[in-house]
C-alpha atoms as a PDB file:
ATOM      1  CA  UNK A   1     255.355 198.173 251.904  1.00  0.00           C
ATOM      2  CA  UNK A   2     251.792 199.539 251.924  1.00  0.00           C
ATOM      3  CA  UNK A   3     251.127 197.910 248.540  1.00  0.00           C
ATOM      4  CA  UNK A   4     252.261 194.505 249.847  1.00  0.00           C
ATOM      5  CA  UNK A   5     250.006 194.812 252.890  1.00  0.00           C
ATOM      6  CA  UNK A   6     247.082 195.863 250.652  1.00  0.00           C
ATOM      7  CA  UNK A   7     247.591 192.856 248.357  1.00  0.00           C
ATOM      8  CA  UNK A   8     247.822 190.485 251.339  1.00  0.00           C
ATOM      9  CA  UNK A   9     244.687 191.948 252.921  1.00  0.00           C
ATOM     10  CA  UNK A  10     242.738 191.735 249.652  1.00  0.00           C
ATOM     11  CA  UNK A  11     243.903 188.140 249.103  1.00  0.00           C
ATOM     12  CA  UNK A  12     242.650 187.146 252.531  1.00  0.00           C
ATOM     13  CA  UNK A  13     239.344 188.935 252.047  1.00  0.00           C
ATOM     14  CA  UNK A  14     238.742 187.306 248.658  1.00  0.00           C
ATOM     15  CA  UNK A  15     238.791 183.872 250.283  1.00  0.00           C
ATOM     16  CA  UNK A  16     236.066 184.834 252.780  1.00  0.00           C
ATOM     17  CA  UNK A  17     232.589 184.348 251.390  1.00  0.00           C
ATOM     18  CA  UNK A  18     229.678 184.784 253.764  1.00  0.00           C
ATOM     19  CA  UNK A  19     226.332 183.486 252.581  1.00  0.00           C
ATOM     20  CA  UNK A  20     223.037 184.340 254.218  1.00  0.00           C
ATOM     21  CA  UNK A  21     220.561 181.841 252.863  1.00  0.00           C
ATOM     22  CA  UNK A  22     217.045 180.657 253.464  1.00  0.00           C
ATOM     23  CA  UNK A  23     214.690 177.971 252.162  1.00  0.00           C
ATOM     24  CA  UNK A  24     210.919 177.861 252.127  1.00  0.00           C
ATOM     25  CA  UNK A  25     211.010 174.345 253.568  1.00  0.00           C
ATOM     26  CA  UNK A  26     209.837 172.603 250.397  1.00  0.00           C
ATOM     27  CA  UNK A  27     212.827 171.426 248.382  1.00  0.00           C
ATOM     28  CA  UNK A  28     211.852 169.652 245.168  1.00  0.00           C
ATOM     29  CA  UNK A  29     213.662 166.643 243.788  1.00  0.00           C
ATOM     30  CA  UNK A  30     215.624 167.569 240.646  1.00  0.00           C
ATOM     31  CA  UNK A  31     218.638 166.617 238.560  1.00  0.00           C
ATOM     32  CA  UNK A  32     218.544 169.178 235.702  1.00  0.00           C
ATOM     33  CA  UNK A  33     219.548 172.751 236.558  1.00  0.00           C
ATOM     34  CA  UNK A  34     219.647 175.924 234.494  1.00  0.00           C
ATOM     35  CA  UNK A  35     222.081 178.576 235.773  1.00  0.00           C
ATOM     36  CA  UNK A  36     221.023 182.035 234.569  1.00  0.00           C
ATOM     37  CA  UNK A  37     223.367 184.968 235.075  1.00  0.00           C
ATOM     38  CA  UNK A  38     222.352 188.605 235.200  1.00  0.00           C
ATOM     39  CA  UNK A  39     225.899 189.521 236.269  1.00  0.00           C
ATOM     40  CA  UNK A  40     227.567 192.284 234.290  1.00  0.00           C
ATOM     41  CA  UNK A  41     231.333 191.860 234.536  1.00  0.00           C
ATOM     42  CA  UNK A  42     232.127 188.184 234.228  1.00  0.00           C
ATOM     43  CA  UNK A  43     234.587 186.370 232.020  1.00  0.00           C
ATOM     44  CA  UNK A  44     233.237 184.547 228.957  1.00  0.00           C
ATOM     45  CA  UNK A  45     234.074 181.219 230.641  1.00  0.00           C
ATOM     46  CA  UNK A  46     232.566 182.015 234.049  1.00  0.00           C
ATOM     47  CA  UNK A  47     229.264 180.186 233.515  1.00  0.00           C
ATOM     48  CA  UNK A  48     231.063 177.115 232.147  1.00  0.00           C
ATOM     49  CA  UNK A  49     232.563 176.611 235.618  1.00  0.00           C
ATOM     50  CA  UNK A  50     229.089 175.897 236.974  1.00  0.00           C
ATOM     51  CA  UNK A  51     228.710 172.942 234.606  1.00  0.00           C
ATOM     52  CA  UNK A  52     231.841 171.407 236.177  1.00  0.00           C
ATOM     53  CA  UNK A  53     231.138 172.347 239.819  1.00  0.00           C
ATOM     54  CA  UNK A  54     228.005 170.328 240.561  1.00  0.00           C
ATOM     55  CA  UNK A  55     228.321 166.709 241.745  1.00  0.00           C
ATOM     56  CA  UNK A  56     227.991 163.904 239.171  1.00  0.00           C
ATOM     57  CA  UNK A  57     224.412 163.133 238.235  1.00  0.00           C
ATOM     58  CA  UNK A  58     223.328 166.749 237.930  1.00  0.00           C
ATOM     59  CA  UNK A  59     222.903 168.108 234.414  1.00  0.00           C
ATOM     60  CA  UNK A  60     223.734 171.801 234.313  1.00  0.00           C
ATOM     61  CA  UNK A  61     223.047 174.236 231.478  1.00  0.00           C
ATOM     62  CA  UNK A  62     223.755 177.951 231.514  1.00  0.00           C
ATOM     63  CA  UNK A  63     222.386 181.119 229.972  1.00  0.00           C
ATOM     64  CA  UNK A  64     223.686 184.683 230.127  1.00  0.00           C
ATOM     65  CA  UNK A  65     220.777 187.092 230.511  1.00  0.00           C
ATOM     66  CA  UNK A  66     222.944 190.118 231.281  1.00  0.00           C
ATOM     67  CA  UNK A  67     222.518 193.597 229.839  1.00  0.00           C
ATOM     68  CA  UNK A  68     224.321 192.872 226.558  1.00  0.00           C
ATOM     69  CA  UNK A  69     222.312 189.737 225.757  1.00  0.00           C
ATOM     70  CA  UNK A  70     219.888 189.939 222.857  1.00  0.00           C
ATOM     71  CA  UNK A  71     216.318 189.012 223.656  1.00  0.00           C
ATOM     72  CA  UNK A  72     214.289 189.441 226.791  1.00  0.00           C
ATOM     73  CA  UNK A  73     215.491 187.621 229.910  1.00  0.00           C
ATOM     74  CA  UNK A  74     212.228 185.641 230.071  1.00  0.00           C
ATOM     75  CA  UNK A  75     212.477 184.438 226.474  1.00  0.00           C
ATOM     76  CA  UNK A  76     216.162 183.516 226.880  1.00  0.00           C
ATOM     77  CA  UNK A  77     215.347 181.534 230.039  1.00  0.00           C
ATOM     78  CA  UNK A  78     212.364 179.768 228.420  1.00  0.00           C
ATOM     79  CA  UNK A  79     214.473 178.818 225.395  1.00  0.00           C
ATOM     80  CA  UNK A  80     217.423 177.515 227.448  1.00  0.00           C
ATOM     81  CA  UNK A  81     215.156 175.659 229.903  1.00  0.00           C
ATOM     82  CA  UNK A  82     213.347 173.998 227.008  1.00  0.00           C
ATOM     83  CA  UNK A  83     216.578 172.963 225.263  1.00  0.00           C
ATOM     84  CA  UNK A  84     218.028 171.509 228.470  1.00  0.00           C
ATOM     85  CA  UNK A  85     214.757 170.151 229.866  1.00  0.00           C
ATOM     86  CA  UNK A  86     215.657 171.932 233.136  1.00  0.00           C
ATOM     87  CA  UNK A  87     213.606 171.319 236.264  1.00  0.00           C
ATOM     88  CA  UNK A  88     214.974 174.236 238.321  1.00  0.00           C
ATOM     89  CA  UNK A  89     216.741 177.529 237.725  1.00  0.00           C
ATOM     90  CA  UNK A  90     219.545 179.116 239.736  1.00  0.00           C
ATOM     91  CA  UNK A  91     219.568 182.865 239.055  1.00  0.00           C
ATOM     92  CA  UNK A  92     222.655 184.976 239.808  1.00  0.00           C
ATOM     93  CA  UNK A  93     222.031 188.702 240.129  1.00  0.00           C
ATOM     94  CA  UNK A  94     223.690 191.756 241.644  1.00  0.00           C
ATOM     95  CA  UNK A  95     222.136 194.587 243.619  1.00  0.00           C
ATOM     96  CA  UNK A  96     224.208 197.676 244.254  1.00  0.00           C
ATOM     97  CA  UNK A  97     224.120 198.761 247.870  1.00  0.00           C
ATOM     98  CA  UNK A  98     226.687 201.488 248.353  1.00  0.00           C
ATOM     99  CA  UNK A  99     228.956 203.791 246.374  1.00  0.00           C
ATOM    100  CA  UNK A 100     231.622 205.952 247.881  1.00  0.00           C
ATOM    101  CA  UNK A 101     234.809 207.870 247.323  1.00  0.00           C
ATOM    102  CA  UNK A 102     235.623 209.779 244.191  1.00  0.00           C
ATOM    103  CA  UNK A 103     238.084 209.659 241.313  1.00  0.00           C
ATOM    104  CA  UNK A 104     240.682 206.920 241.707  1.00  0.00           C
ATOM    105  CA  UNK A 105     239.362 205.981 245.144  1.00  0.00           C
ATOM    106  CA  UNK A 106     235.754 205.404 243.975  1.00  0.00           C
ATOM    107  CA  UNK A 107     234.286 202.097 245.169  1.00  0.00           C
ATOM    108  CA  UNK A 108     231.113 200.032 245.072  1.00  0.00           C
ATOM    109  CA  UNK A 109     229.907 197.573 247.669  1.00  0.00           C
ATOM    110  CA  UNK A 110     227.484 195.104 246.132  1.00  0.00           C
ATOM    111  CA  UNK A 111     225.382 192.182 247.243  1.00  0.00           C
ATOM    112  CA  UNK A 112     225.097 189.164 245.002  1.00  0.00           C
ATOM    113  CA  UNK A 113     221.618 187.716 245.026  1.00  0.00           C
ATOM    114  CA  UNK A 114     221.033 184.038 244.303  1.00  0.00           C
ATOM    115  CA  UNK A 115     217.706 182.278 243.919  1.00  0.00           C
ATOM    116  CA  UNK A 116     216.670 178.733 243.052  1.00  0.00           C
ATOM    117  CA  UNK A 117     213.170 178.233 241.710  1.00  0.00           C
ATOM    118  CA  UNK A 118     211.194 175.475 240.062  1.00  0.00           C
ATOM    119  CA  UNK A 119     210.503 175.523 236.345  1.00  0.00           C
ATOM    120  CA  UNK A 120     208.329 176.426 234.533  1.00  0.00           C
ATOM    121  CA  UNK A 121     206.369 178.163 237.333  1.00  0.00           C
ATOM    122  CA  UNK A 122     209.442 179.859 238.883  1.00  0.00           C
ATOM    123  CA  UNK A 123     208.393 179.326 242.490  1.00  0.00           C
ATOM    124  CA  UNK A 124     211.475 180.063 244.620  1.00  0.00           C
ATOM    125  CA  UNK A 125     212.562 177.506 247.210  1.00  0.00           C
ATOM    126  CA  UNK A 126     216.067 178.809 248.099  1.00  0.00           C
ATOM    127  CA  UNK A 127     217.471 182.328 248.310  1.00  0.00           C
ATOM    128  CA  UNK A 128     220.859 183.662 249.325  1.00  0.00           C
ATOM    129  CA  UNK A 129     222.628 186.965 249.552  1.00  0.00           C
ATOM    130  CA  UNK A 130     226.386 187.458 249.594  1.00  0.00           C
ATOM    131  CA  UNK A 131     228.030 190.811 250.267  1.00  0.00           C
ATOM    132  CA  UNK A 132     230.893 191.233 247.806  1.00  0.00           C
ATOM    133  CA  UNK A 133     233.122 194.230 247.222  1.00  0.00           C
ATOM    134  CA  UNK A 134     233.402 195.138 243.546  1.00  0.00           C
ATOM    135  CA  UNK A 135     237.021 196.037 244.223  1.00  0.00           C
ATOM    136  CA  UNK A 136     237.712 192.395 245.043  1.00  0.00           C
ATOM    137  CA  UNK A 137     235.570 190.567 242.494  1.00  0.00           C
ATOM    138  CA  UNK A 138     232.336 190.788 240.579  1.00  0.00           C
ATOM    139  CA  UNK A 139     231.140 187.205 240.830  1.00  0.00           C
ATOM    140  CA  UNK A 140     231.310 184.232 243.149  1.00  0.00           C
ATOM    141  CA  UNK A 141     233.559 181.254 242.636  1.00  0.00           C
ATOM    142  CA  UNK A 142     231.088 178.568 241.417  1.00  0.00           C
ATOM    143  CA  UNK A 143     232.336 175.883 243.870  1.00  0.00           C
ATOM    144  CA  UNK A 144     231.475 178.308 246.728  1.00  0.00           C
ATOM    145  CA  UNK A 145     227.873 178.506 245.469  1.00  0.00           C
ATOM    146  CA  UNK A 146     227.651 174.726 245.016  1.00  0.00           C
ATOM    147  CA  UNK A 147     229.157 174.240 248.483  1.00  0.00           C
ATOM    148  CA  UNK A 148     226.456 176.425 250.025  1.00  0.00           C
ATOM    149  CA  UNK A 149     223.743 174.538 248.129  1.00  0.00           C
ATOM    150  CA  UNK A 150     225.153 171.300 249.614  1.00  0.00           C
ATOM    151  CA  UNK A 151     225.364 172.805 253.103  1.00  0.00           C
ATOM    152  CA  UNK A 152     221.744 173.969 252.906  1.00  0.00           C
ATOM    153  CA  UNK A 153     220.565 170.528 251.722  1.00  0.00           C
ATOM    154  CA  UNK A 154     219.436 171.787 248.307  1.00  0.00           C
ATOM    155  CA  UNK A 155     221.692 169.409 246.399  1.00  0.00           C
ATOM    156  CA  UNK A 156     223.255 166.140 247.444  1.00  0.00           C
ATOM    157  CA  UNK A 157     226.990 165.671 247.923  1.00  0.00           C
ATOM    158  CA  UNK A 158     226.828 162.531 245.781  1.00  0.00           C
ATOM    159  CA  UNK A 159     224.300 163.661 243.190  1.00  0.00           C
ATOM    160  CA  UNK A 160     220.517 163.451 242.879  1.00  0.00           C
ATOM    161  CA  UNK A 161     218.562 160.563 244.349  1.00  0.00           C
ATOM    162  CA  UNK A 162     217.351 158.208 241.591  1.00  0.00           C
ATOM    163  CA  UNK A 163     213.609 157.645 241.656  1.00  0.00           C
END
């Protein structure tokens, strides 16, 4: 009975994603995005979901710059941005906030940090933080991130404005 209640509670909590986000007021016009992940425990197909989550008209490339990537994060980002001709970068990172318990009941509470910046100068124009329990998951569902970018007016629901 306790296991069933635990599973139900965790299922409900996994669907709740609370973003705290902020912009600097100057949102550039862009259509080509590089998603760079510094996340540690993600599936090999996780970043591919970002390429399918943005509205039509946005070109999305990805690069894994996590701890088991070869090369420096800066060189990997420069190379991927050059190949994709990206105008902005969305960086996904994790910052550990709290550890507790011991043995089998050990837990971590993490914040996921997200930042959008222009390329090549890397001037940030959007930042967000999302508290996520490592017990529940280690990364955000890409449509949740894209939904927040839409809500904050960073990207358009229908795709970039043609100029």
